[in-house]
Protein backbone atom coordinates (compact mmCIF):
# COMPACT_ATOMS: atom_id res chain seq x y z
CA UNK A 1 83.04 100.52 -15.24
CA UNK A 2 79.82 98.60 -14.78
CA UNK A 3 76.34 99.93 -14.27
CA UNK A 4 72.74 98.75 -14.14
CA UNK A 5 71.30 97.83 -17.51
CA UNK A 6 68.80 100.65 -17.94
CA UNK A 7 67.58 102.48 -21.02
CA UNK A 8 68.74 105.86 -19.71
CA UNK A 9 72.26 104.57 -19.12
CA UNK A 10 72.36 103.09 -22.63
CA UNK A 11 71.16 106.40 -24.12
CA UNK A 12 73.75 108.49 -22.25
CA UNK A 13 76.53 106.07 -23.18
CA UNK A 14 75.63 106.30 -26.85
CA UNK A 15 75.23 110.08 -26.69
CA UNK A 16 78.77 110.53 -25.34
CA UNK A 17 80.37 107.94 -27.63
CA UNK A 18 81.03 105.14 -25.15
CA UNK A 19 80.89 101.46 -26.08
CA UNK A 20 78.59 99.26 -24.02
CA UNK A 21 78.56 95.52 -23.50
CA UNK A 22 76.03 93.56 -21.46
CA UNK A 23 77.48 91.08 -18.95
CA UNK A 24 75.93 88.75 -16.38
CA UNK A 25 76.99 89.53 -12.82
CA UNK A 26 76.23 87.80 -9.54
CA UNK A 27 75.11 90.01 -6.65
CA UNK A 28 75.54 89.46 -2.91
CA UNK A 29 72.32 87.41 -2.83
CA UNK A 30 73.80 85.12 -5.51
CA UNK A 31 71.22 86.25 -8.07
CA UNK A 32 72.40 86.71 -11.63
CA UNK A 33 71.67 90.20 -12.96
CA UNK A 34 72.57 91.92 -16.21
CA UNK A 35 74.84 94.94 -16.00
CA UNK A 36 76.63 97.06 -18.54
CA UNK A 37 80.36 97.45 -19.02
CA UNK A 38 80.89 101.00 -20.27
CA UNK A 39 84.11 102.29 -21.80
CA UNK A 40 85.89 103.40 -24.90
CA UNK A 41 87.17 100.85 -27.43
CA UNK A 42 85.88 97.74 -25.65
CA UNK A 43 86.57 95.64 -28.74
CA UNK A 44 90.22 96.64 -29.22
CA UNK A 45 91.64 93.61 -27.34
CA UNK A 46 89.43 90.96 -28.89
């Protein structure tokens, strides 16, 4: 799942043991914004 890159989201993700990875996304206005991919074991397929 992706979510806004905010300190509170990062803190909750860490508190509950989720991995986070920052990615650049393009919104409907074609602006590039940073979002977070949140999940378990994000590095297992690398």
